[in-house]
Amino acid sequence: MKAIYITRRETFNAAHKLWREDWSEQKNWEVFGKCSNHNWHGHNFELFVTVKGLPNPDTGFVINLKDLSVLLKEQVIEELDHRNLNLDVPFMKDVLASTENLAIAIWDRIYLPIQKVGGELVKIKLVETENNYVEYYGGKEPI
């Protein structure tokens, strides 16, 4: 039997600012534009987490989506929702709060816990706006 892929979607709202202290205000503006606003800006993020595996013969599930939802809420959503990524999120401390870096940090938080509840984490898709999103495969090539 071949592996099957299943994806869970979660949402959260968060603010951030793209800013490097070692750069001048002018350089920050040139590189990050409005995203370097002194008073922050926010997004309604969508997080898609894709897991692969073989369906359990007893349940038909690759992973129980209720268990995956609880794991994502505990490890990610509760930590990020209605927070300032630059100031309020310990796992983003000293990390430039780009969507790319946030996706990597989320992967690092959930990779091992997902293995414990079943399946293998394959991809994270993090949607920042309707026009911008990132996909992360844990340093592996895309599926």
N, C-alpha and C. Protein backbone atom coordinates (compact mmCIF):
# COMPACT_ATOMS: atom_id res chain seq x y z
N MET A 1 0.85 -1.19 0.00
CA MET A 1 0.00 0.00 0.00
C MET A 1 0.89 1.24 0.00
N LYS A 2 0.50 2.24 -0.77
CA LYS A 2 1.26 3.47 -0.84
C LYS A 2 0.78 4.43 0.25
N ALA A 3 1.70 5.32 0.64
CA ALA A 3 1.36 6.33 1.65
C ALA A 3 0.32 7.29 1.10
N ILE A 4 -0.46 7.85 2.02
CA ILE A 4 -1.45 8.86 1.68
C ILE A 4 -1.10 10.12 2.48
N TYR A 5 -1.47 11.26 1.93
CA TYR A 5 -1.17 12.55 2.55
C TYR A 5 -2.48 13.15 3.06
N ILE A 6 -2.42 13.72 4.27
CA ILE A 6 -3.60 14.38 4.83
C ILE A 6 -3.13 15.72 5.41
N THR A 7 -3.99 16.72 5.28
CA THR A 7 -3.62 18.08 5.69
C THR A 7 -4.65 18.63 6.65
N ARG A 8 -4.16 19.26 7.70
CA ARG A 8 -5.01 19.96 8.68
C ARG A 8 -4.76 21.46 8.55
N ARG A 9 -5.82 22.25 8.56
CA ARG A 9 -5.74 23.71 8.49
C ARG A 9 -6.08 24.30 9.86
N GLU A 10 -5.26 25.25 10.28
CA GLU A 10 -5.52 26.04 11.49
C GLU A 10 -5.31 27.50 11.13
N THR A 11 -5.85 28.40 11.94
CA THR A 11 -5.67 29.83 11.70
C THR A 11 -5.22 30.52 12.98
N PHE A 12 -4.52 31.63 12.81
CA PHE A 12 -4.15 32.49 13.94
C PHE A 12 -3.90 33.90 13.42
N ASN A 13 -4.01 34.84 14.32
CA ASN A 13 -3.75 36.24 14.02
C ASN A 13 -2.51 36.66 14.79
N ALA A 14 -1.61 37.37 14.14
CA ALA A 14 -0.40 37.80 14.83
C ALA A 14 0.15 39.06 14.17
N ALA A 15 0.86 39.83 14.97
CA ALA A 15 1.53 41.03 14.49
C ALA A 15 3.03 40.78 14.45
N HIS A 16 3.70 41.53 13.60
CA HIS A 16 5.16 41.46 13.56
C HIS A 16 5.70 42.70 12.87
N LYS A 17 7.00 42.82 12.92
CA LYS A 17 7.72 43.89 12.23
C LYS A 17 8.99 43.27 11.69
N LEU A 18 9.28 43.54 10.44
CA LEU A 18 10.55 43.11 9.87
C LEU A 18 11.53 44.26 10.05
N TRP A 19 12.52 44.01 10.88
CA TRP A 19 13.44 45.08 11.28
C TRP A 19 14.74 44.47 11.76
N ARG A 20 15.83 45.05 11.32
CA ARG A 20 17.15 44.65 11.80
C ARG A 20 17.75 45.83 12.55
N GLU A 21 18.07 45.61 13.81
CA GLU A 21 18.66 46.67 14.63
C GLU A 21 20.02 47.13 14.11
N ASP A 22 20.73 46.23 13.45
CA ASP A 22 22.06 46.59 12.95
C ASP A 22 22.01 47.36 11.63
N TRP A 23 20.81 47.62 11.11
CA TRP A 23 20.65 48.43 9.91
C TRP A 23 20.05 49.78 10.27
N SER A 24 20.28 50.76 9.42
CA SER A 24 19.68 52.08 9.60
C SER A 24 18.19 52.00 9.29
N GLU A 25 17.48 53.02 9.72
CA GLU A 25 16.04 53.09 9.40
C GLU A 25 15.84 53.11 7.89
N GLN A 26 16.70 53.84 7.20
CA GLN A 26 16.60 53.92 5.74
C GLN A 26 16.78 52.55 5.08
N LYS A 27 17.79 51.80 5.52
CA LYS A 27 18.03 50.49 4.92
C LYS A 27 16.88 49.53 5.24
N ASN A 28 16.38 49.56 6.49
CA ASN A 28 15.23 48.73 6.83
C ASN A 28 14.05 49.06 5.90
N TRP A 29 13.81 50.34 5.67
CA TRP A 29 12.70 50.74 4.80
C TRP A 29 12.95 50.27 3.36
N GLU A 30 14.19 50.41 2.89
CA GLU A 30 14.51 49.99 1.52
C GLU A 30 14.30 48.49 1.32
N VAL A 31 14.66 47.71 2.32
CA VAL A 31 14.55 46.25 2.19
C VAL A 31 13.16 45.74 2.54
N PHE A 32 12.59 46.21 3.64
CA PHE A 32 11.34 45.65 4.16
C PHE A 32 10.11 46.50 3.87
N GLY A 33 10.29 47.74 3.43
CA GLY A 33 9.16 48.62 3.11
C GLY A 33 8.20 48.78 4.28
N LYS A 34 6.89 48.73 3.98
CA LYS A 34 5.86 48.92 5.01
C LYS A 34 5.94 47.89 6.12
N CYS A 35 6.57 46.75 5.84
CA CYS A 35 6.69 45.71 6.87
C CYS A 35 7.63 46.11 7.99
N SER A 36 8.35 47.23 7.81
CA SER A 36 9.24 47.72 8.87
C SER A 36 8.59 48.83 9.69
N ASN A 37 7.29 49.00 9.54
CA ASN A 37 6.54 50.02 10.27
C ASN A 37 6.86 49.96 11.77
N HIS A 38 7.19 51.10 12.36
CA HIS A 38 7.54 51.14 13.79
C HIS A 38 6.42 50.60 14.68
N ASN A 39 5.18 50.78 14.25
CA ASN A 39 4.04 50.37 15.07
C ASN A 39 3.49 49.00 14.69
N TRP A 40 4.32 48.18 14.02
CA TRP A 40 3.97 46.80 13.70
C TRP A 40 2.89 46.72 12.63
N HIS A 41 2.55 45.55 12.21
CA HIS A 41 1.42 45.27 11.34
C HIS A 41 1.03 43.81 11.57
N GLY A 42 -0.18 43.46 11.18
CA GLY A 42 -0.65 42.12 11.49
C GLY A 42 -1.19 41.37 10.30
N HIS A 43 -1.37 40.07 10.49
CA HIS A 43 -1.89 39.18 9.45
C HIS A 43 -2.86 38.17 10.07
N ASN A 44 -3.77 37.71 9.26
CA ASN A 44 -4.63 36.57 9.58
C ASN A 44 -3.99 35.37 8.89
N PHE A 45 -3.14 34.67 9.61
CA PHE A 45 -2.39 33.56 9.03
C PHE A 45 -3.25 32.31 8.91
N GLU A 46 -2.96 31.53 7.88
CA GLU A 46 -3.51 30.18 7.73
C GLU A 46 -2.33 29.22 7.72
N LEU A 47 -2.43 28.19 8.53
CA LEU A 47 -1.39 27.18 8.62
C LEU A 47 -1.96 25.85 8.13
N PHE A 48 -1.29 25.26 7.15
CA PHE A 48 -1.66 23.95 6.63
C PHE A 48 -0.53 22.99 6.97
N VAL A 49 -0.84 21.93 7.67
CA VAL A 49 0.16 20.94 8.08
C VAL A 49 -0.19 19.62 7.39
N THR A 50 0.76 19.13 6.58
CA THR A 50 0.55 17.90 5.82
C THR A 50 1.37 16.77 6.41
N VAL A 51 0.69 15.65 6.65
CA VAL A 51 1.29 14.46 7.25
C VAL A 51 1.06 13.30 6.29
N LYS A 52 2.03 12.39 6.21
CA LYS A 52 1.83 11.21 5.37
C LYS A 52 2.00 9.95 6.19
N GLY A 53 1.42 8.89 5.68
CA GLY A 53 1.55 7.60 6.32
C GLY A 53 0.59 6.61 5.69
N LEU A 54 0.53 5.45 6.29
CA LEU A 54 -0.41 4.42 5.85
C LEU A 54 -1.63 4.46 6.75
N PRO A 55 -2.82 4.29 6.20
CA PRO A 55 -4.01 4.27 7.04
C PRO A 55 -3.95 3.11 8.03
N ASN A 56 -4.28 3.39 9.27
CA ASN A 56 -4.37 2.36 10.30
C ASN A 56 -5.51 1.41 9.92
N PRO A 57 -5.25 0.09 9.94
CA PRO A 57 -6.31 -0.85 9.53
C PRO A 57 -7.56 -0.79 10.41
N ASP A 58 -7.41 -0.40 11.67
CA ASP A 58 -8.55 -0.35 12.57
C ASP A 58 -9.39 0.92 12.41
N THR A 59 -8.73 2.06 12.10
CA THR A 59 -9.45 3.34 12.04
C THR A 59 -9.58 3.90 10.64
N GLY A 60 -8.68 3.49 9.74
CA GLY A 60 -8.64 4.09 8.41
C GLY A 60 -7.92 5.41 8.38
N PHE A 61 -7.39 5.85 9.54
CA PHE A 61 -6.71 7.14 9.64
C PHE A 61 -5.21 6.99 9.46
N VAL A 62 -4.60 7.98 8.79
CA VAL A 62 -3.14 8.13 8.83
C VAL A 62 -2.78 8.70 10.19
N ILE A 63 -3.55 9.69 10.60
CA ILE A 63 -3.39 10.33 11.91
C ILE A 63 -4.78 10.80 12.31
N ASN A 64 -5.10 10.68 13.56
CA ASN A 64 -6.39 11.17 14.04
C ASN A 64 -6.34 12.70 13.99
N LEU A 65 -7.19 13.30 13.15
CA LEU A 65 -7.15 14.75 12.98
C LEU A 65 -7.51 15.50 14.25
N LYS A 66 -8.28 14.88 15.12
CA LYS A 66 -8.57 15.51 16.41
C LYS A 66 -7.28 15.61 17.23
N ASP A 67 -6.49 14.54 17.25
CA ASP A 67 -5.20 14.58 17.95
C ASP A 67 -4.25 15.60 17.33
N LEU A 68 -4.23 15.66 15.99
CA LEU A 68 -3.37 16.63 15.31
C LEU A 68 -3.80 18.06 15.63
N SER A 69 -5.10 18.30 15.66
CA SER A 69 -5.62 19.63 15.99
C SER A 69 -5.21 20.05 17.40
N VAL A 70 -5.36 19.13 18.35
CA VAL A 70 -4.97 19.43 19.74
C VAL A 70 -3.47 19.73 19.81
N LEU A 71 -2.67 18.93 19.14
CA LEU A 71 -1.21 19.14 19.13
C LEU A 71 -0.88 20.50 18.54
N LEU A 72 -1.50 20.86 17.42
CA LEU A 72 -1.21 22.15 16.79
C LEU A 72 -1.66 23.31 17.66
N LYS A 73 -2.79 23.16 18.31
CA LYS A 73 -3.26 24.23 19.20
C LYS A 73 -2.30 24.42 20.38
N GLU A 74 -1.84 23.31 20.96
CA GLU A 74 -0.94 23.40 22.11
C GLU A 74 0.45 23.90 21.73
N GLN A 75 1.00 23.41 20.65
CA GLN A 75 2.38 23.70 20.28
C GLN A 75 2.55 24.98 19.46
N VAL A 76 1.48 25.40 18.76
CA VAL A 76 1.63 26.51 17.82
C VAL A 76 0.59 27.61 18.05
N ILE A 77 -0.67 27.27 17.91
CA ILE A 77 -1.71 28.29 17.88
C ILE A 77 -1.78 29.09 19.18
N GLU A 78 -1.79 28.40 20.31
CA GLU A 78 -1.86 29.12 21.59
C GLU A 78 -0.64 30.02 21.81
N GLU A 79 0.49 29.65 21.24
CA GLU A 79 1.71 30.44 21.37
C GLU A 79 1.72 31.66 20.45
N LEU A 80 1.00 31.60 19.33
CA LEU A 80 1.07 32.64 18.31
C LEU A 80 -0.17 33.53 18.21
N ASP A 81 -1.34 32.98 18.51
CA ASP A 81 -2.58 33.71 18.25
C ASP A 81 -2.70 34.97 19.09
N HIS A 82 -2.97 36.07 18.40
CA HIS A 82 -3.12 37.40 19.01
C HIS A 82 -1.86 37.80 19.79
N ARG A 83 -0.71 37.47 19.22
CA ARG A 83 0.58 37.80 19.83
C ARG A 83 1.40 38.63 18.86
N ASN A 84 2.40 39.28 19.42
CA ASN A 84 3.41 39.97 18.62
C ASN A 84 4.57 38.99 18.45
N LEU A 85 4.83 38.58 17.24
CA LEU A 85 5.87 37.58 16.98
C LEU A 85 7.24 38.03 17.44
N ASN A 86 7.50 39.32 17.38
CA ASN A 86 8.81 39.86 17.77
C ASN A 86 8.98 39.90 19.29
N LEU A 87 7.89 40.13 20.02
CA LEU A 87 7.99 40.40 21.45
C LEU A 87 7.43 39.30 22.35
N ASP A 88 6.42 38.58 21.90
CA ASP A 88 5.65 37.71 22.79
C ASP A 88 5.90 36.22 22.61
N VAL A 89 6.67 35.82 21.63
CA VAL A 89 6.78 34.40 21.29
C VAL A 89 8.20 33.91 21.56
N PRO A 90 8.38 33.14 22.65
CA PRO A 90 9.74 32.72 23.02
C PRO A 90 10.49 31.99 21.91
N PHE A 91 9.81 31.14 21.13
CA PHE A 91 10.55 30.40 20.11
C PHE A 91 10.92 31.26 18.89
N MET A 92 10.48 32.52 18.88
CA MET A 92 10.90 33.45 17.82
C MET A 92 11.89 34.49 18.34
N LYS A 93 12.31 34.34 19.59
CA LYS A 93 13.27 35.29 20.18
C LYS A 93 14.55 35.29 19.36
N ASP A 94 15.01 36.49 19.04
CA ASP A 94 16.24 36.69 18.29
C ASP A 94 16.19 36.14 16.86
N VAL A 95 14.97 35.96 16.32
CA VAL A 95 14.80 35.48 14.95
C VAL A 95 14.03 36.56 14.19
N LEU A 96 14.50 36.96 13.03
CA LEU A 96 13.77 37.91 12.20
C LEU A 96 12.41 37.29 11.88
N ALA A 97 11.33 37.99 12.19
CA ALA A 97 9.98 37.42 12.15
C ALA A 97 9.37 37.39 10.75
N SER A 98 10.12 36.87 9.79
CA SER A 98 9.58 36.69 8.44
C SER A 98 8.69 35.45 8.43
N THR A 99 7.84 35.36 7.44
CA THR A 99 6.98 34.19 7.31
C THR A 99 7.82 32.94 7.09
N GLU A 100 8.92 33.08 6.35
CA GLU A 100 9.81 31.94 6.11
C GLU A 100 10.38 31.42 7.42
N ASN A 101 10.91 32.32 8.25
CA ASN A 101 11.48 31.89 9.53
C ASN A 101 10.41 31.34 10.48
N LEU A 102 9.22 31.89 10.42
CA LEU A 102 8.13 31.38 11.26
C LEU A 102 7.75 29.96 10.84
N ALA A 103 7.71 29.69 9.56
CA ALA A 103 7.39 28.33 9.09
C ALA A 103 8.43 27.33 9.58
N ILE A 104 9.70 27.70 9.52
CA ILE A 104 10.77 26.82 10.01
C ILE A 104 10.61 26.57 11.50
N ALA A 105 10.33 27.62 12.25
CA ALA A 105 10.16 27.49 13.70
C ALA A 105 8.97 26.59 14.04
N ILE A 106 7.88 26.73 13.30
CA ILE A 106 6.70 25.87 13.53
C ILE A 106 7.07 24.42 13.25
N TRP A 107 7.75 24.16 12.15
CA TRP A 107 8.20 22.80 11.82
C TRP A 107 8.99 22.21 12.98
N ASP A 108 9.95 22.98 13.47
CA ASP A 108 10.81 22.50 14.55
C ASP A 108 10.02 22.16 15.81
N ARG A 109 8.93 22.89 16.06
CA ARG A 109 8.10 22.64 17.25
C ARG A 109 7.23 21.40 17.11
N ILE A 110 6.83 21.05 15.89
CA ILE A 110 5.84 19.97 15.75
C ILE A 110 6.39 18.69 15.13
N TYR A 111 7.60 18.71 14.61
CA TYR A 111 8.13 17.54 13.91
C TYR A 111 8.11 16.28 14.78
N LEU A 112 8.73 16.32 15.93
CA LEU A 112 8.77 15.14 16.81
C LEU A 112 7.41 14.81 17.43
N PRO A 113 6.66 15.81 17.94
CA PRO A 113 5.34 15.48 18.49
C PRO A 113 4.41 14.80 17.49
N ILE A 114 4.48 15.17 16.22
CA ILE A 114 3.63 14.52 15.21
C ILE A 114 4.01 13.06 15.06
N GLN A 115 5.30 12.76 15.10
CA GLN A 115 5.72 11.36 15.00
C GLN A 115 5.15 10.53 16.14
N LYS A 116 5.01 11.15 17.31
CA LYS A 116 4.49 10.42 18.47
C LYS A 116 3.01 10.08 18.33
N VAL A 117 2.24 10.91 17.59
CA VAL A 117 0.81 10.62 17.44
C VAL A 117 0.50 9.91 16.13
N GLY A 118 1.50 9.70 15.31
CA GLY A 118 1.32 8.93 14.08
C GLY A 118 1.58 9.75 12.84
N GLY A 119 2.19 9.12 11.87
CA GLY A 119 2.45 9.79 10.62
C GLY A 119 3.78 10.52 10.60
N GLU A 120 4.10 11.04 9.44
CA GLU A 120 5.36 11.76 9.24
C GLU A 120 5.04 13.15 8.69
N LEU A 121 5.57 14.18 9.34
CA LEU A 121 5.38 15.54 8.87
C LEU A 121 6.08 15.70 7.52
N VAL A 122 5.34 16.18 6.53
CA VAL A 122 5.87 16.31 5.18
C VAL A 122 6.03 17.76 4.77
N LYS A 123 5.05 18.60 5.10
CA LYS A 123 5.05 19.97 4.60
C LYS A 123 4.27 20.87 5.53
N ILE A 124 4.75 22.11 5.61
CA ILE A 124 4.00 23.18 6.24
C ILE A 124 3.78 24.25 5.18
N LYS A 125 2.55 24.68 5.06
CA LYS A 125 2.22 25.82 4.21
C LYS A 125 1.70 26.90 5.14
N LEU A 126 2.32 28.06 5.10
CA LEU A 126 1.93 29.16 5.96
C LEU A 126 1.53 30.33 5.06
N VAL A 127 0.24 30.67 5.10
CA VAL A 127 -0.30 31.74 4.26
C VAL A 127 -0.33 33.02 5.08
N GLU A 128 0.37 34.03 4.58
CA GLU A 128 0.43 35.33 5.25
C GLU A 128 -0.66 36.27 4.71
N THR A 129 -0.82 36.30 3.40
CA THR A 129 -1.87 37.08 2.75
C THR A 129 -2.43 36.24 1.61
N GLU A 130 -3.48 36.72 0.99
CA GLU A 130 -4.03 35.96 -0.13
C GLU A 130 -3.04 35.84 -1.29
N ASN A 131 -2.04 36.68 -1.31
CA ASN A 131 -1.05 36.65 -2.39
C ASN A 131 0.30 36.06 -1.98
N ASN A 132 0.54 35.88 -0.69
CA ASN A 132 1.86 35.45 -0.23
C ASN A 132 1.76 34.27 0.73
N TYR A 133 2.50 33.22 0.42
CA TYR A 133 2.60 32.10 1.35
C TYR A 133 3.94 31.42 1.14
N VAL A 134 4.33 30.64 2.14
CA VAL A 134 5.56 29.84 2.05
C VAL A 134 5.20 28.38 2.26
N GLU A 135 6.02 27.52 1.67
CA GLU A 135 5.91 26.09 1.91
C GLU A 135 7.27 25.61 2.38
N TYR A 136 7.26 24.77 3.41
CA TYR A 136 8.51 24.26 3.97
C TYR A 136 8.42 22.75 4.12
N TYR A 137 9.47 22.08 3.66
CA TYR A 137 9.51 20.62 3.65
C TYR A 137 10.58 20.09 4.59
N GLY A 138 10.96 20.86 5.57
CA GLY A 138 11.96 20.42 6.54
C GLY A 138 13.34 20.25 5.96
N GLY A 139 13.69 21.04 4.98
CA GLY A 139 15.01 20.95 4.38
C GLY A 139 15.11 19.88 3.31
N LYS A 140 14.00 19.20 3.03
CA LYS A 140 13.97 18.17 1.99
C LYS A 140 13.40 18.77 0.71
N GLU A 141 13.56 18.05 -0.37
CA GLU A 141 12.96 18.49 -1.63
C GLU A 141 11.44 18.34 -1.55
N PRO A 142 10.70 19.18 -2.27
CA PRO A 142 9.24 19.05 -2.27
C PRO A 142 8.78 17.68 -2.74
N ILE A 143 7.58 17.30 -2.27
CA ILE A 143 6.99 16.02 -2.67
C ILE A 143 6.53 16.08 -4.11
